[in-house]
Amino acid sequence: MFSTFTLLFAAGVGFRLALSYALKRRFDLTLAAPQSIAVLLIVLAIVPSWALPVSLPVPLSFVLGAVLPDLIFQRG
């Protein structure tokens, strides 16, 4: 069986792929986020909710799956 982390990671990757496909097909746009914003989203997902006035209510594995292509690949 898959762990919850793996399933949420796969859901994040699937969400990213579906959103990229829809934006490309409908509006001819590519989805890309700067690496600094991707790292900021990961840090916000890691920090516990009691430590920040505004927390990110999405699990780390989902965020990691959604922004991992921006961290790995650099688009010009």
N, C-alpha and C. Protein backbone atom coordinates (compact mmCIF):
# COMPACT_ATOMS: atom_id res chain seq x y z
N MET A 1 0.84 -1.19 0.00
CA MET A 1 0.00 0.00 0.00
C MET A 1 0.88 1.25 0.00
N PHE A 2 0.33 2.30 -0.54
CA PHE A 2 1.04 3.57 -0.58
C PHE A 2 0.78 4.35 0.71
N SER A 3 1.76 5.11 1.12
CA SER A 3 1.58 5.94 2.31
C SER A 3 0.81 7.20 1.94
N THR A 4 0.35 7.90 2.95
CA THR A 4 -0.40 9.14 2.73
C THR A 4 0.47 10.18 2.04
N PHE A 5 1.75 10.24 2.42
CA PHE A 5 2.66 11.18 1.81
C PHE A 5 2.76 10.93 0.30
N THR A 6 2.90 9.68 -0.08
CA THR A 6 3.03 9.33 -1.50
C THR A 6 1.77 9.66 -2.27
N LEU A 7 0.61 9.36 -1.68
CA LEU A 7 -0.66 9.65 -2.36
C LEU A 7 -0.89 11.15 -2.52
N LEU A 8 -0.57 11.92 -1.49
CA LEU A 8 -0.73 13.38 -1.60
C LEU A 8 0.28 13.97 -2.58
N PHE A 9 1.47 13.41 -2.63
CA PHE A 9 2.46 13.85 -3.60
C PHE A 9 1.95 13.59 -5.02
N ALA A 10 1.39 12.41 -5.25
CA ALA A 10 0.84 12.08 -6.56
C ALA A 10 -0.34 12.98 -6.90
N ALA A 11 -1.15 13.33 -5.91
CA ALA A 11 -2.26 14.25 -6.14
C ALA A 11 -1.75 15.65 -6.52
N GLY A 12 -0.67 16.09 -5.89
CA GLY A 12 -0.08 17.38 -6.23
C GLY A 12 0.47 17.41 -7.64
N VAL A 13 1.14 16.33 -8.02
CA VAL A 13 1.67 16.23 -9.38
C VAL A 13 0.52 16.18 -10.39
N GLY A 14 -0.51 15.42 -10.08
CA GLY A 14 -1.66 15.35 -10.97
C GLY A 14 -2.38 16.68 -11.10
N PHE A 15 -2.51 17.40 -9.99
CA PHE A 15 -3.12 18.73 -10.03
C PHE A 15 -2.31 19.67 -10.91
N ARG A 16 -0.99 19.62 -10.75
CA ARG A 16 -0.12 20.48 -11.55
C ARG A 16 -0.21 20.14 -13.04
N LEU A 17 -0.22 18.85 -13.36
CA LEU A 17 -0.32 18.45 -14.76
C LEU A 17 -1.66 18.85 -15.37
N ALA A 18 -2.75 18.65 -14.62
CA ALA A 18 -4.08 19.00 -15.13
C ALA A 18 -4.21 20.51 -15.32
N LEU A 19 -3.70 21.28 -14.37
CA LEU A 19 -3.78 22.74 -14.49
C LEU A 19 -2.91 23.23 -15.65
N SER A 20 -1.73 22.68 -15.81
CA SER A 20 -0.86 23.07 -16.92
C SER A 20 -1.50 22.74 -18.26
N TYR A 21 -2.08 21.55 -18.36
CA TYR A 21 -2.73 21.14 -19.60
C TYR A 21 -3.92 22.03 -19.93
N ALA A 22 -4.73 22.35 -18.93
CA ALA A 22 -5.91 23.19 -19.17
C ALA A 22 -5.51 24.60 -19.57
N LEU A 23 -4.50 25.16 -18.91
CA LEU A 23 -4.06 26.52 -19.27
C LEU A 23 -3.43 26.55 -20.65
N LYS A 24 -2.69 25.52 -21.00
CA LYS A 24 -2.05 25.47 -22.31
C LYS A 24 -3.09 25.32 -23.42
N ARG A 25 -4.07 24.48 -23.19
CA ARG A 25 -5.07 24.21 -24.22
C ARG A 25 -6.05 25.37 -24.38
N ARG A 26 -6.49 25.94 -23.28
CA ARG A 26 -7.53 26.97 -23.34
C ARG A 26 -6.98 28.35 -23.67
N PHE A 27 -5.90 28.75 -23.00
CA PHE A 27 -5.38 30.11 -23.14
C PHE A 27 -4.00 30.19 -23.78
N ASP A 28 -3.39 29.05 -24.13
CA ASP A 28 -2.04 28.99 -24.68
C ASP A 28 -1.02 29.64 -23.74
N LEU A 29 -1.13 29.30 -22.44
CA LEU A 29 -0.21 29.80 -21.42
C LEU A 29 0.56 28.62 -20.83
N THR A 30 1.77 28.89 -20.37
CA THR A 30 2.53 27.88 -19.66
C THR A 30 2.57 28.25 -18.18
N LEU A 31 2.45 27.25 -17.34
CA LEU A 31 2.45 27.46 -15.89
C LEU A 31 3.87 27.34 -15.38
N ALA A 32 4.38 28.41 -14.81
CA ALA A 32 5.72 28.40 -14.23
C ALA A 32 5.76 29.38 -13.07
N ALA A 33 6.42 28.97 -12.01
CA ALA A 33 6.60 29.83 -10.85
C ALA A 33 8.10 29.99 -10.61
N PRO A 34 8.52 31.17 -10.19
CA PRO A 34 9.95 31.33 -9.88
C PRO A 34 10.37 30.40 -8.75
N GLN A 35 11.63 30.02 -8.74
CA GLN A 35 12.12 29.10 -7.73
C GLN A 35 12.00 29.68 -6.32
N SER A 36 12.13 30.98 -6.19
CA SER A 36 12.01 31.59 -4.86
C SER A 36 10.59 31.45 -4.32
N ILE A 37 9.60 31.57 -5.17
CA ILE A 37 8.21 31.40 -4.72
C ILE A 37 7.94 29.94 -4.40
N ALA A 38 8.50 29.02 -5.16
CA ALA A 38 8.33 27.60 -4.89
C ALA A 38 8.93 27.23 -3.53
N VAL A 39 10.11 27.75 -3.25
CA VAL A 39 10.75 27.49 -1.95
C VAL A 39 9.94 28.13 -0.83
N LEU A 40 9.41 29.32 -1.04
CA LEU A 40 8.59 29.98 -0.03
C LEU A 40 7.33 29.18 0.28
N LEU A 41 6.70 28.61 -0.73
CA LEU A 41 5.51 27.77 -0.50
C LEU A 41 5.87 26.52 0.29
N ILE A 42 7.01 25.94 0.02
CA ILE A 42 7.43 24.75 0.77
C ILE A 42 7.72 25.11 2.22
N VAL A 43 8.38 26.24 2.44
CA VAL A 43 8.67 26.67 3.81
C VAL A 43 7.37 26.96 4.56
N LEU A 44 6.41 27.60 3.92
CA LEU A 44 5.12 27.86 4.57
C LEU A 44 4.37 26.58 4.89
N ALA A 45 4.54 25.55 4.08
CA ALA A 45 3.89 24.27 4.35
C ALA A 45 4.58 23.53 5.49
N ILE A 46 5.88 23.76 5.69
CA ILE A 46 6.62 23.07 6.74
C ILE A 46 6.36 23.68 8.12
N VAL A 47 6.28 25.00 8.20
CA VAL A 47 6.14 25.68 9.48
C VAL A 47 4.77 25.35 10.08
N PRO A 48 4.73 25.02 11.37
CA PRO A 48 3.44 24.69 11.99
C PRO A 48 2.50 25.89 12.04
N SER A 49 1.21 25.60 12.14
CA SER A 49 0.20 26.67 12.08
C SER A 49 0.28 27.62 13.27
N TRP A 50 0.76 27.16 14.42
CA TRP A 50 0.82 28.03 15.58
C TRP A 50 1.98 29.02 15.50
N ALA A 51 2.92 28.81 14.61
CA ALA A 51 4.10 29.67 14.51
C ALA A 51 3.90 30.85 13.56
N LEU A 52 2.90 30.81 12.72
CA LEU A 52 2.67 31.88 11.76
C LEU A 52 1.27 32.46 11.92
N PRO A 53 1.12 33.75 11.71
CA PRO A 53 -0.23 34.32 11.74
C PRO A 53 -1.08 33.85 10.55
N VAL A 54 -0.42 33.58 9.41
CA VAL A 54 -1.12 33.08 8.24
C VAL A 54 -0.43 31.78 7.83
N SER A 55 -1.14 30.68 7.97
CA SER A 55 -0.54 29.39 7.63
C SER A 55 -1.08 28.90 6.29
N LEU A 56 -0.37 27.98 5.69
CA LEU A 56 -0.78 27.37 4.44
C LEU A 56 -1.49 26.06 4.77
N PRO A 57 -2.81 25.98 4.57
CA PRO A 57 -3.55 24.79 5.02
C PRO A 57 -3.47 23.61 4.04
N VAL A 58 -2.34 23.44 3.40
CA VAL A 58 -2.15 22.36 2.44
C VAL A 58 -0.97 21.52 2.94
N PRO A 59 -1.08 20.20 2.90
CA PRO A 59 0.03 19.36 3.38
C PRO A 59 1.31 19.55 2.55
N LEU A 60 2.42 19.30 3.20
CA LEU A 60 3.73 19.47 2.56
C LEU A 60 3.86 18.60 1.32
N SER A 61 3.39 17.39 1.37
CA SER A 61 3.56 16.49 0.23
C SER A 61 2.80 16.99 -1.00
N PHE A 62 1.63 17.58 -0.80
CA PHE A 62 0.87 18.12 -1.93
C PHE A 62 1.59 19.32 -2.54
N VAL A 63 2.08 20.21 -1.68
CA VAL A 63 2.83 21.39 -2.16
C VAL A 63 4.10 20.96 -2.87
N LEU A 64 4.79 19.99 -2.31
CA LEU A 64 6.02 19.50 -2.93
C LEU A 64 5.75 18.91 -4.31
N GLY A 65 4.67 18.17 -4.43
CA GLY A 65 4.32 17.61 -5.73
C GLY A 65 3.92 18.66 -6.74
N ALA A 66 3.30 19.74 -6.27
CA ALA A 66 2.84 20.78 -7.18
C ALA A 66 3.97 21.71 -7.65
N VAL A 67 4.98 21.94 -6.81
CA VAL A 67 6.03 22.89 -7.19
C VAL A 67 7.36 22.22 -7.53
N LEU A 68 7.43 20.91 -7.47
CA LEU A 68 8.69 20.22 -7.77
C LEU A 68 9.21 20.48 -9.18
N PRO A 69 8.36 20.54 -10.21
CA PRO A 69 8.91 20.86 -11.54
C PRO A 69 9.58 22.23 -11.59
N ASP A 70 9.09 23.19 -10.82
CA ASP A 70 9.70 24.52 -10.81
C ASP A 70 11.05 24.49 -10.12
N LEU A 71 11.24 23.58 -9.17
CA LEU A 71 12.53 23.48 -8.50
C LEU A 71 13.55 22.71 -9.32
N ILE A 72 13.10 21.76 -10.09
CA ILE A 72 14.01 20.92 -10.88
C ILE A 72 14.40 21.59 -12.19
N PHE A 73 13.40 22.07 -12.92
CA PHE A 73 13.64 22.62 -14.25
C PHE A 73 13.61 24.14 -14.21
N GLN A 74 14.48 24.76 -14.99
CA GLN A 74 14.49 26.20 -15.13
C GLN A 74 13.97 26.57 -16.50
N ARG A 75 12.92 27.38 -16.53
CA ARG A 75 12.34 27.77 -17.80
C ARG A 75 12.80 29.17 -18.18
N GLY A 76 13.05 29.35 -19.46
CA GLY A 76 13.57 30.64 -19.92
C GLY A 76 12.54 31.53 -20.51
